[in-house]
C-alpha atoms as a PDB file:
ATOM      1  CA  MET A   1     114.370  43.109  -3.530  1.00  0.00           C
ATOM      2  CA  PHE A   2     116.191  44.971  -0.748  1.00  0.00           C
ATOM      3  CA  THR A   3     119.105  45.648  -3.132  1.00  0.00           C
ATOM      4  CA  ARG A   4     116.712  46.948  -5.758  1.00  0.00           C
ATOM      5  CA  ILE A   5     115.049  49.315  -3.302  1.00  0.00           C
ATOM      6  CA  SER A   6     118.461  50.472  -2.059  1.00  0.00           C
ATOM      7  CA  ASN A   7     119.606  51.155  -5.623  1.00  0.00           C
ATOM      8  CA  GLY A   8     116.435  53.043  -6.432  1.00  0.00           C
ATOM      9  CA  TRP A   9     116.883  55.168  -3.316  1.00  0.00           C
ATOM     10  CA  ALA A  10     120.510  55.907  -4.232  1.00  0.00           C
ATOM     11  CA  LEU A  11     119.512  56.883  -7.780  1.00  0.00           C
ATOM     12  CA  SER A  12     116.957  59.326  -6.435  1.00  0.00           C
ATOM     13  CA  LYS A  13     119.582  60.961  -4.183  1.00  0.00           C
ATOM     14  CA  GLN A  14     122.040  61.273  -7.056  1.00  0.00           C
ATOM     15  CA  SER A  15     119.350  62.910  -9.182  1.00  0.00           C
ATOM     16  CA  PHE A  16     119.006  65.558  -6.458  1.00  0.00           C
ATOM     17  CA  HIS A  17     122.755  66.151  -6.662  1.00  0.00           C
ATOM     18  CA  VAL A  18     122.435  66.754 -10.405  1.00  0.00           C
ATOM     19  CA  LEU A  19     119.589  69.182  -9.788  1.00  0.00           C
ATOM     20  CA  MET A  20     121.785  71.184  -7.436  1.00  0.00           C
ATOM     21  CA  LEU A  21     124.192  71.694 -10.345  1.00  0.00           C
ATOM     22  CA  ASP A  22     121.404  73.210 -12.443  1.00  0.00           C
ATOM     23  CA  LYS A  23     118.876  74.734 -10.058  1.00  0.00           C
ATOM     24  CA  GLU A  24     117.353  76.672 -12.950  1.00  0.00           C
ATOM     25  CA  LEU A  25     115.740  73.408 -14.080  1.00  0.00           C
ATOM     26  CA  LEU A  26     113.120  74.104 -11.417  1.00  0.00           C
ATOM     27  CA  LEU A  27     111.837  76.900 -13.644  1.00  0.00           C
ATOM     28  CA  PHE A  28     110.371  74.384 -16.094  1.00  0.00           C
ATOM     29  CA  PRO A  29     107.850  72.817 -13.676  1.00  0.00           C
ATOM     30  CA  ILE A  30     107.049  76.323 -12.404  1.00  0.00           C
ATOM     31  CA  MET A  31     106.315  77.557 -15.924  1.00  0.00           C
ATOM     32  CA  SER A  32     104.379  74.378 -16.657  1.00  0.00           C
ATOM     33  CA  GLY A  33     102.149  74.888 -13.632  1.00  0.00           C
ATOM     34  CA  ILE A  34     101.502  78.553 -14.461  1.00  0.00           C
ATOM     35  CA  SER A  35     100.767  77.683 -18.099  1.00  0.00           C
ATOM     36  CA  CYS A  36      98.285  74.979 -17.067  1.00  0.00           C
ATOM     37  CA  LEU A  37      96.461  77.523 -14.915  1.00  0.00           C
ATOM     38  CA  LEU A  38      96.327  79.875 -17.900  1.00  0.00           C
ATOM     39  CA  VAL A  39      94.938  77.068 -20.069  1.00  0.00           C
ATOM     40  CA  LEU A  40      92.243  76.425 -17.464  1.00  0.00           C
ATOM     41  CA  ALA A  41      91.362  80.117 -17.383  1.00  0.00           C
ATOM     42  CA  SER A  42      91.318  80.375 -21.185  1.00  0.00           C
ATOM     43  CA  PHE A  43      88.703  77.611 -21.349  1.00  0.00           C
ATOM     44  CA  ALA A  44      86.682  78.391 -18.227  1.00  0.00           C
ATOM     45  CA  LEU A  45      86.324  82.173 -18.480  1.00  0.00           C
ATOM     46  CA  PRO A  46      84.768  82.304 -21.985  1.00  0.00           C
ATOM     47  CA  LEU A  47      82.316  79.574 -20.925  1.00  0.00           C
ATOM     48  CA  TRP A  48      81.570  81.042 -17.504  1.00  0.00           C
ATOM     49  CA  ASN A  49      77.939  81.957 -18.190  1.00  0.00           C
ATOM     50  CA  SER A  50      77.208  78.860 -20.265  1.00  0.00           C
ATOM     51  CA  LYS A  51      76.197  75.327 -19.351  1.00  0.00           C
ATOM     52  CA  TYR A  52      79.597  74.069 -20.502  1.00  0.00           C
ATOM     53  CA  VAL A  53      81.622  75.618 -17.698  1.00  0.00           C
ATOM     54  CA  ASP A  54      81.049  72.545 -15.498  1.00  0.00           C
ATOM     55  CA  VAL A  55      82.691  70.412 -18.181  1.00  0.00           C
ATOM     56  CA  ILE A  56      85.995  72.159 -17.469  1.00  0.00           C
ATOM     57  CA  MET A  57      85.635  73.012 -13.784  1.00  0.00           C
ATOM     58  CA  ASN A  58      84.097  69.669 -12.751  1.00  0.00           C
ATOM     59  CA  ASP A  59      84.991  66.848 -15.133  1.00  0.00           C
ATOM     60  CA  GLN A  60      83.928  64.108 -12.713  1.00  0.00           C
ATOM     61  CA  GLN A  61      80.598  63.767 -14.497  1.00  0.00           C
ATOM     62  CA  ALA A  62      80.395  62.453 -18.048  1.00  0.00           C
ATOM     63  CA  PRO A  63      79.128  65.109 -20.479  1.00  0.00           C
ATOM     64  CA  GLN A  64      75.685  64.581 -21.995  1.00  0.00           C
ATOM     65  CA  ASP A  65      76.063  67.023 -24.885  1.00  0.00           C
ATOM     66  CA  PRO A  66      78.294  66.149 -27.898  1.00  0.00           C
ATOM     67  CA  VAL A  67      79.623  69.718 -27.864  1.00  0.00           C
ATOM     68  CA  ALA A  68      80.709  69.206 -24.266  1.00  0.00           C
ATOM     69  CA  TYR A  69      82.751  66.175 -25.333  1.00  0.00           C
ATOM     70  CA  VAL A  70      84.542  68.281 -27.927  1.00  0.00           C
ATOM     71  CA  ILE A  71      85.273  71.054 -25.416  1.00  0.00           C
ATOM     72  CA  LEU A  72      86.554  68.611 -22.791  1.00  0.00           C
ATOM     73  CA  PHE A  73      88.791  66.794 -25.278  1.00  0.00           C
ATOM     74  CA  ALA A  74      90.184  70.108 -26.544  1.00  0.00           C
ATOM     75  CA  PHE A  75      90.950  71.085 -22.951  1.00  0.00           C
ATOM     76  CA  TYR A  76      92.716  67.770 -22.384  1.00  0.00           C
ATOM     77  CA  PHE A  77      94.763  68.141 -25.553  1.00  0.00           C
ATOM     78  CA  VAL A  78      95.955  71.684 -24.844  1.00  0.00           C
ATOM     79  CA  ASN A  79      96.722  70.811 -21.227  1.00  0.00           C
ATOM     80  CA  TYR A  80      98.735  67.739 -22.196  1.00  0.00           C
ATOM     81  CA  PHE A  81     100.544  69.699 -24.895  1.00  0.00           C
ATOM     82  CA  VAL A  82     101.676  72.296 -22.358  1.00  0.00           C
ATOM     83  CA  MET A  83     102.850  69.689 -19.839  1.00  0.00           C
ATOM     84  CA  ILE A  84     104.680  67.606 -22.460  1.00  0.00           C
ATOM     85  CA  PHE A  85     106.328  70.698 -23.934  1.00  0.00           C
ATOM     86  CA  PHE A  86     107.849  71.764 -20.610  1.00  0.00           C
ATOM     87  CA  ASN A  87     108.699  68.178 -19.658  1.00  0.00           C
ATOM     88  CA  SER A  88     110.535  67.819 -22.960  1.00  0.00           C
ATOM     89  CA  ALA A  89     112.437  71.050 -22.326  1.00  0.00           C
ATOM     90  CA  LEU A  90     113.396  69.857 -18.832  1.00  0.00           C
ATOM     91  CA  MET A  91     114.401  66.420 -20.146  1.00  0.00           C
ATOM     92  CA  SER A  92     116.576  68.012 -22.840  1.00  0.00           C
ATOM     93  CA  CYS A  93     118.471  70.075 -20.251  1.00  0.00           C
ATOM     94  CA  ALA A  94     118.881  67.032 -17.998  1.00  0.00           C
ATOM     95  CA  ILE A  95     120.364  65.026 -20.866  1.00  0.00           C
ATOM     96  CA  ILE A  96     122.763  67.850 -21.765  1.00  0.00           C
ATOM     97  CA  ARG A  97     123.971  67.994 -18.148  1.00  0.00           C
ATOM     98  CA  LEU A  98     124.313  64.209 -17.898  1.00  0.00           C
ATOM     99  CA  LYS A  99     126.441  64.241 -21.048  1.00  0.00           C
ATOM    100  CA  GLY A 100     128.811  66.746 -19.471  1.00  0.00           C
ATOM    101  CA  GLY A 101     127.338  69.963 -20.835  1.00  0.00           C
ATOM    102  CA  ASN A 102     126.130  73.066 -19.038  1.00  0.00           C
ATOM    103  CA  PRO A 103     122.535  73.649 -20.186  1.00  0.00           C
ATOM    104  CA  GLY A 104     120.585  76.856 -19.987  1.00  0.00           C
ATOM    105  CA  ILE A 105     116.854  77.521 -20.085  1.00  0.00           C
ATOM    106  CA  GLY A 106     117.160  78.493 -23.748  1.00  0.00           C
ATOM    107  CA  ASP A 107     118.610  75.092 -24.620  1.00  0.00           C
ATOM    108  CA  GLY A 108     115.537  73.397 -23.214  1.00  0.00           C
ATOM    109  CA  PHE A 109     113.138  75.668 -25.063  1.00  0.00           C
ATOM    110  CA  ASN A 110     115.020  75.311 -28.358  1.00  0.00           C
ATOM    111  CA  SER A 111     114.957  71.541 -28.059  1.00  0.00           C
ATOM    112  CA  ALA A 112     111.229  71.482 -27.321  1.00  0.00           C
ATOM    113  CA  LEU A 113     110.443  73.896 -30.151  1.00  0.00           C
ATOM    114  CA  ASN A 114     112.386  71.725 -32.590  1.00  0.00           C
ATOM    115  CA  ARG A 115     110.219  68.761 -31.602  1.00  0.00           C
ATOM    116  CA  LEU A 116     106.782  70.359 -31.823  1.00  0.00           C
ATOM    117  CA  PRO A 117     105.421  67.690 -34.245  1.00  0.00           C
ATOM    118  CA  GLN A 118     106.457  64.885 -31.876  1.00  0.00           C
ATOM    119  CA  ILE A 119     105.110  66.792 -28.862  1.00  0.00           C
ATOM    120  CA  ALA A 120     101.788  67.480 -30.594  1.00  0.00           C
ATOM    121  CA  GLY A 121     101.485  63.836 -31.632  1.00  0.00           C
ATOM    122  CA  TRP A 122     102.181  62.572 -28.137  1.00  0.00           C
ATOM    123  CA  ALA A 123      99.799  65.156 -26.652  1.00  0.00           C
ATOM    124  CA  LEU A 124      97.055  63.869 -28.961  1.00  0.00           C
ATOM    125  CA  VAL A 125      97.637  60.254 -27.918  1.00  0.00           C
ATOM    126  CA  SER A 126      97.890  61.177 -24.219  1.00  0.00           C
ATOM    127  CA  ALA A 127      94.750  63.301 -24.364  1.00  0.00           C
ATOM    128  CA  THR A 128      92.841  60.487 -26.054  1.00  0.00           C
ATOM    129  CA  VAL A 129      93.886  57.926 -23.445  1.00  0.00           C
ATOM    130  CA  GLY A 130      93.290  60.373 -20.577  1.00  0.00           C
ATOM    131  CA  PHE A 131      89.864  61.265 -21.996  1.00  0.00           C
ATOM    132  CA  ILE A 132      88.847  57.602 -22.297  1.00  0.00           C
ATOM    133  CA  ILE A 133      90.026  56.816 -18.754  1.00  0.00           C
ATOM    134  CA  LYS A 134      88.095  59.805 -17.405  1.00  0.00           C
ATOM    135  CA  MET A 135      84.928  58.682 -19.204  1.00  0.00           C
ATOM    136  CA  ILE A 136      85.272  55.181 -17.741  1.00  0.00           C
ATOM    137  CA  GLU A 137      85.754  56.645 -14.289  1.00  0.00           C
ATOM    138  CA  SER A 138      82.754  58.957 -14.554  1.00  0.00           C
ATOM    139  CA  ARG A 139      80.333  56.319 -15.887  1.00  0.00           C
ATOM    140  CA  SER A 140      80.445  54.115 -12.794  1.00  0.00           C
ATOM    141  CA  GLU A 141      81.237  55.468  -9.363  1.00  0.00           C
ATOM    142  CA  ARG A 142      83.079  52.459  -7.898  1.00  0.00           C
ATOM    143  CA  LEU A 143      83.799  49.974 -10.664  1.00  0.00           C
ATOM    144  CA  GLY A 144      84.652  52.790 -13.069  1.00  0.00           C
ATOM    145  CA  GLN A 145      87.127  54.328 -10.646  1.00  0.00           C
ATOM    146  CA  PHE A 146      88.750  50.938 -10.015  1.00  0.00           C
ATOM    147  CA  VAL A 147      89.108  50.133 -13.727  1.00  0.00           C
ATOM    148  CA  ALA A 148      90.262  53.669 -14.527  1.00  0.00           C
ATOM    149  CA  GLY A 149      92.860  53.453 -11.766  1.00  0.00           C
ATOM    150  CA  LEU A 150      94.267  50.210 -13.151  1.00  0.00           C
ATOM    151  CA  LEU A 151      94.337  51.549 -16.698  1.00  0.00           C
ATOM    152  CA  GLY A 152      95.948  54.785 -15.570  1.00  0.00           C
ATOM    153  CA  MET A 153      98.668  52.945 -13.661  1.00  0.00           C
ATOM    154  CA  ALA A 154      99.364  50.597 -16.584  1.00  0.00           C
ATOM    155  CA  TRP A 155      99.545  53.554 -18.977  1.00  0.00           C
ATOM    156  CA  SER A 156     101.937  55.478 -16.708  1.00  0.00           C
ATOM    157  CA  ILE A 157     104.272  52.485 -16.454  1.00  0.00           C
ATOM    158  CA  THR A 158     104.119  51.696 -20.174  1.00  0.00           C
ATOM    159  CA  THR A 159     104.964  55.269 -21.169  1.00  0.00           C
ATOM    160  CA  TYR A 160     107.618  55.836 -18.490  1.00  0.00           C
ATOM    161  CA  PHE A 161     110.440  56.525 -20.985  1.00  0.00           C
ATOM    162  CA  VAL A 162     108.433  58.129 -23.790  1.00  0.00           C
ATOM    163  CA  ILE A 163     109.635  61.704 -23.173  1.00  0.00           C
ATOM    164  CA  PRO A 164     113.408  60.966 -23.478  1.00  0.00           C
ATOM    165  CA  VAL A 165     112.708  58.802 -26.544  1.00  0.00           C
ATOM    166  CA  LEU A 166     110.739  61.673 -28.036  1.00  0.00           C
ATOM    167  CA  VAL A 167     113.471  64.205 -27.210  1.00  0.00           C
ATOM    168  CA  VAL A 168     116.503  62.192 -28.354  1.00  0.00           C
ATOM    169  CA  GLU A 169     115.204  59.823 -31.025  1.00  0.00           C
ATOM    170  CA  ARG A 170     112.271  61.888 -32.329  1.00  0.00           C
ATOM    171  CA  LYS A 171     110.118  58.808 -32.824  1.00  0.00           C
ATOM    172  CA  ASN A 172     106.391  58.968 -33.433  1.00  0.00           C
ATOM    173  CA  PRO A 173     104.063  58.260 -30.478  1.00  0.00           C
ATOM    174  CA  PHE A 174     103.575  54.551 -31.152  1.00  0.00           C
ATOM    175  CA  GLU A 175     107.263  53.891 -31.786  1.00  0.00           C
ATOM    176  CA  SER A 176     108.034  55.812 -28.592  1.00  0.00           C
ATOM    177  CA  ILE A 177     105.677  53.611 -26.571  1.00  0.00           C
ATOM    178  CA  LYS A 178     107.283  50.475 -27.994  1.00  0.00           C
ATOM    179  CA  ARG A 179     110.759  51.796 -27.213  1.00  0.00           C
ATOM    180  CA  SER A 180     109.666  52.808 -23.691  1.00  0.00           C
ATOM    181  CA  VAL A 181     108.355  49.309 -22.991  1.00  0.00           C
ATOM    182  CA  GLY A 182     111.627  47.820 -24.242  1.00  0.00           C
ATOM    183  CA  ILE A 183     113.733  49.974 -21.916  1.00  0.00           C
ATOM    184  CA  LEU A 184     111.426  49.319 -18.982  1.00  0.00           C
ATOM    185  CA  ARG A 185     111.675  45.577 -19.581  1.00  0.00           C
ATOM    186  CA  GLU A 186     115.466  45.817 -19.397  1.00  0.00           C
ATOM    187  CA  THR A 187     115.659  47.806 -16.192  1.00  0.00           C
ATOM    188  CA  TRP A 188     114.184  45.173 -13.885  1.00  0.00           C
ATOM    189  CA  GLY A 189     112.148  47.865 -12.170  1.00  0.00           C
ATOM    190  CA  GLU A 190     114.959  49.997 -10.705  1.00  0.00           C
ATOM    191  CA  SER A 191     113.609  52.931 -12.683  1.00  0.00           C
ATOM    192  CA  LEU A 192     110.215  52.611 -11.032  1.00  0.00           C
ATOM    193  CA  VAL A 193     111.755  52.045  -7.605  1.00  0.00           C
ATOM    194  CA  ALA A 194     113.865  55.181  -8.096  1.00  0.00           C
ATOM    195  CA  ASN A 195     110.649  57.070  -8.707  1.00  0.00           C
ATOM    196  CA  PHE A 196     109.247  55.481  -5.543  1.00  0.00           C
ATOM    197  CA  GLY A 197     112.380  56.660  -3.709  1.00  0.00           C
ATOM    198  CA  ILE A 198     111.756  60.222  -4.836  1.00  0.00           C
ATOM    199  CA  GLY A 199     108.141  59.927  -3.732  1.00  0.00           C
ATOM    200  CA  MET A 200     109.186  58.543  -0.340  1.00  0.00           C
ATOM    201  CA  ILE A 201     111.637  61.397   0.224  1.00  0.00           C
ATOM    202  CA  MET A 202     108.904  63.861  -0.678  1.00  0.00           C
ATOM    203  CA  PHE A 203     106.509  62.116   1.726  1.00  0.00           C
ATOM    204  CA  LEU A 204     109.012  62.429   4.578  1.00  0.00           C
ATOM    205  CA  VAL A 205     109.468  66.115   3.774  1.00  0.00           C
ATOM    206  CA  MET A 206     105.697  66.630   3.703  1.00  0.00           C
ATOM    207  CA  ILE A 207     105.130  65.286   7.229  1.00  0.00           C
ATOM    208  CA  PRO A 208     106.622  68.291   9.113  1.00  0.00           C
ATOM    209  CA  LEU A 209     105.120  70.706   6.569  1.00  0.00           C
ATOM    210  CA  ILE A 210     101.640  69.314   7.117  1.00  0.00           C
ATOM    211  CA  ALA A 211     102.278  69.478  10.870  1.00  0.00           C
ATOM    212  CA  MET A 212     103.136  73.165  10.416  1.00  0.00           C
ATOM    213  CA  ILE A 213      99.811  73.773   8.658  1.00  0.00           C
ATOM    214  CA  VAL A 214      97.935  72.037  11.482  1.00  0.00           C
ATOM    215  CA  GLY A 215      99.917  74.030  14.030  1.00  0.00           C
ATOM    216  CA  GLY A 216      99.230  77.239  12.149  1.00  0.00           C
ATOM    217  CA  GLY A 217      95.508  76.499  12.158  1.00  0.00           C
ATOM    218  CA  PHE A 218      95.635  75.886  15.906  1.00  0.00           C
ATOM    219  CA  LEU A 219      97.458  79.203  16.456  1.00  0.00           C
ATOM    220  CA  ILE A 220      94.889  81.074  14.359  1.00  0.00           C
ATOM    221  CA  SER A 221      92.021  79.519  16.321  1.00  0.00           C
ATOM    222  CA  SER A 222      93.829  80.526  19.516  1.00  0.00           C
ATOM    223  CA  GLY A 223      94.018  84.154  18.440  1.00  0.00           C
ATOM    224  CA  SER A 224      97.593  84.294  17.081  1.00  0.00           C
ATOM    225  CA  VAL A 225      96.441  85.061  13.546  1.00  0.00           C
ATOM    226  CA  ALA A 226      99.685  86.641  12.303  1.00  0.00           C
ATOM    227  CA  LEU A 227     101.938  83.880  13.613  1.00  0.00           C
ATOM    228  CA  GLY A 228      99.594  81.118  12.481  1.00  0.00           C
ATOM    229  CA  GLY A 229      99.187  82.663   9.042  1.00  0.00           C
ATOM    230  CA  ALA A 230     102.952  83.007   8.658  1.00  0.00           C
ATOM    231  CA  LEU A 231     103.465  79.373   9.665  1.00  0.00           C
ATOM    232  CA  ILE A 232     100.888  78.169   7.153  1.00  0.00           C
ATOM    233  CA  GLY A 233     102.408  80.368   4.438  1.00  0.00           C
ATOM    234  CA  VAL A 234     105.882  78.936   5.018  1.00  0.00           C
ATOM    235  CA  ALA A 235     104.481  75.392   4.966  1.00  0.00           C
ATOM    236  CA  ILE A 236     102.610  75.951   1.694  1.00  0.00           C
ATOM    237  CA  PHE A 237     105.751  77.400   0.116  1.00  0.00           C
ATOM    238  CA  GLY A 238     107.691  74.347   1.326  1.00  0.00           C
ATOM    239  CA  ILE A 239     105.131  71.972  -0.185  1.00  0.00           C
ATOM    240  CA  LEU A 240     105.283  73.756  -3.537  1.00  0.00           C
ATOM    241  CA  LEU A 241     109.090  73.710  -3.504  1.00  0.00           C
ATOM    242  CA  ALA A 242     109.152  69.999  -2.624  1.00  0.00           C
ATOM    243  CA  SER A 243     106.783  69.277  -5.504  1.00  0.00           C
ATOM    244  CA  LEU A 244     109.007  71.173  -7.937  1.00  0.00           C
ATOM    245  CA  VAL A 245     112.127  69.346  -6.759  1.00  0.00           C
ATOM    246  CA  SER A 246     110.362  65.995  -7.005  1.00  0.00           C
ATOM    247  CA  SER A 247     109.273  66.697 -10.590  1.00  0.00           C
ATOM    248  CA  ALA A 248     112.770  67.750 -11.671  1.00  0.00           C
ATOM    249  CA  CYS A 249     114.483  64.781  -9.967  1.00  0.00           C
ATOM    250  CA  HIS A 250     112.006  62.420 -11.573  1.00  0.00           C
ATOM    251  CA  SER A 251     113.010  63.656 -15.042  1.00  0.00           C
ATOM    252  CA  ILE A 252     116.733  63.427 -14.222  1.00  0.00           C
ATOM    253  CA  VAL A 253     116.470  59.785 -13.097  1.00  0.00           C
ATOM    254  CA  ILE A 254     114.552  58.854 -16.245  1.00  0.00           C
ATOM    255  CA  ALA A 255     117.153  60.641 -18.383  1.00  0.00           C
ATOM    256  CA  ALA A 256     120.059  58.843 -16.684  1.00  0.00           C
ATOM    257  CA  ILE A 257     118.584  55.362 -17.091  1.00  0.00           C
ATOM    258  CA  TYR A 258     117.508  56.118 -20.648  1.00  0.00           C
ATOM    259  CA  LEU A 259     121.008  57.252 -21.642  1.00  0.00           C
ATOM    260  CA  TYR A 260     122.515  54.035 -20.365  1.00  0.00           C
ATOM    261  CA  ALA A 261     119.913  51.991 -22.237  1.00  0.00           C
ATOM    262  CA  ALA A 262     120.372  53.927 -25.478  1.00  0.00           C
ATOM    263  CA  GLU A 263     124.130  54.579 -25.481  1.00  0.00           C
ATOM    264  CA  GLU A 264     125.514  52.199 -22.813  1.00  0.00           C
ATOM    265  CA  GLU A 265     127.294  55.096 -21.152  1.00  0.00           C
ATOM    266  CA  VAL A 266     126.845  56.005 -17.511  1.00  0.00           C
ATOM    267  CA  PRO A 267     126.633  59.766 -16.843  1.00  0.00           C
ATOM    268  CA  GLU A 268     129.653  60.987 -14.867  1.00  0.00           C
ATOM    269  CA  VAL A 269     127.521  62.323 -12.024  1.00  0.00           C
ATOM    270  CA  PHE A 270     125.866  58.923 -11.483  1.00  0.00           C
ATOM    271  CA  ASP A 271     127.381  55.828  -9.927  1.00  0.00           C
ATOM    272  CA  HIS A 272     128.331  53.347 -12.659  1.00  0.00           C
ATOM    273  CA  ASP A 273     127.414  50.246 -10.637  1.00  0.00           C
ATOM    274  CA  LEU A 274     123.962  51.554  -9.768  1.00  0.00           C
ATOM    275  CA  ILE A 275     123.026  52.248 -13.390  1.00  0.00           C
ATOM    276  CA  ALA A 276     124.666  49.093 -14.718  1.00  0.00           C
ATOM    277  CA  HIS A 277     122.904  46.959 -12.106  1.00  0.00           C
ATOM    278  CA  ALA A 278     119.567  48.203 -13.361  1.00  0.00           C
ATOM    279  CA  PHE A 279     120.296  46.398 -16.612  1.00  0.00           C
ATOM    280  CA  ALA A 280     121.756  43.216 -15.109  1.00  0.00           C
ATOM    281  CA  GLN A 281     120.641  40.045 -16.831  1.00  0.00           C
ATOM    282  CA  LYS A 282     118.432  37.515 -15.052  1.00  0.00           C
END
């Protein structure tokens, strides 16, 4: 177990090294976040003076009107489509880099645009599952949240490698899930531990940033508004940057492990033993 955690940690650090070779990959999660905000606005603003606005702005309660169900599902679908589109573009660039190429933003967009049917299909499946989980969660305050949490975790693990399968193999959603499960079964969990490693690094980075926000609030309450505001602003920027880096590194690790599973070739920028160990036989 210690070896597995160590390998996962090392994989996460190597993914950061790859990101430093292509810092422009950070633009994809930025554009994804901005696009999701635009999707929210495009649904919420036209419904602002209607009873349906709470369906979008506060989806913790289950809708009572059939029309509200349709609106909420449409919101889920469009939101998932946007996120999957940019994730696919980022994954495409990561795979190009791991194969020795030098990707640009246009390469990622071209790849995603050429896979619109697969992206739309996966967005439909993801929106359906996300919608069902949200309905379960909203129907019962405690039991519903517990069941929804378990289902959400199981779904996230099951679909861990769907995006690279979609990008490279262009399989339909159900074939992609099956392929993802097969790869995950082979990896002995290093892929998930690598993701945990990225999360742990982000957590360690967050500690001083959160302390800066607390310190900034204390300075503001003490009368040093300018200094406190500046400190909070820097901390918020740091949190956003850390989130972007975490998202990009997550995609790079998935791409690296997927490539070894699919082509049995270790990317040059990754340690051969680390990747190969993830597929060691019992």
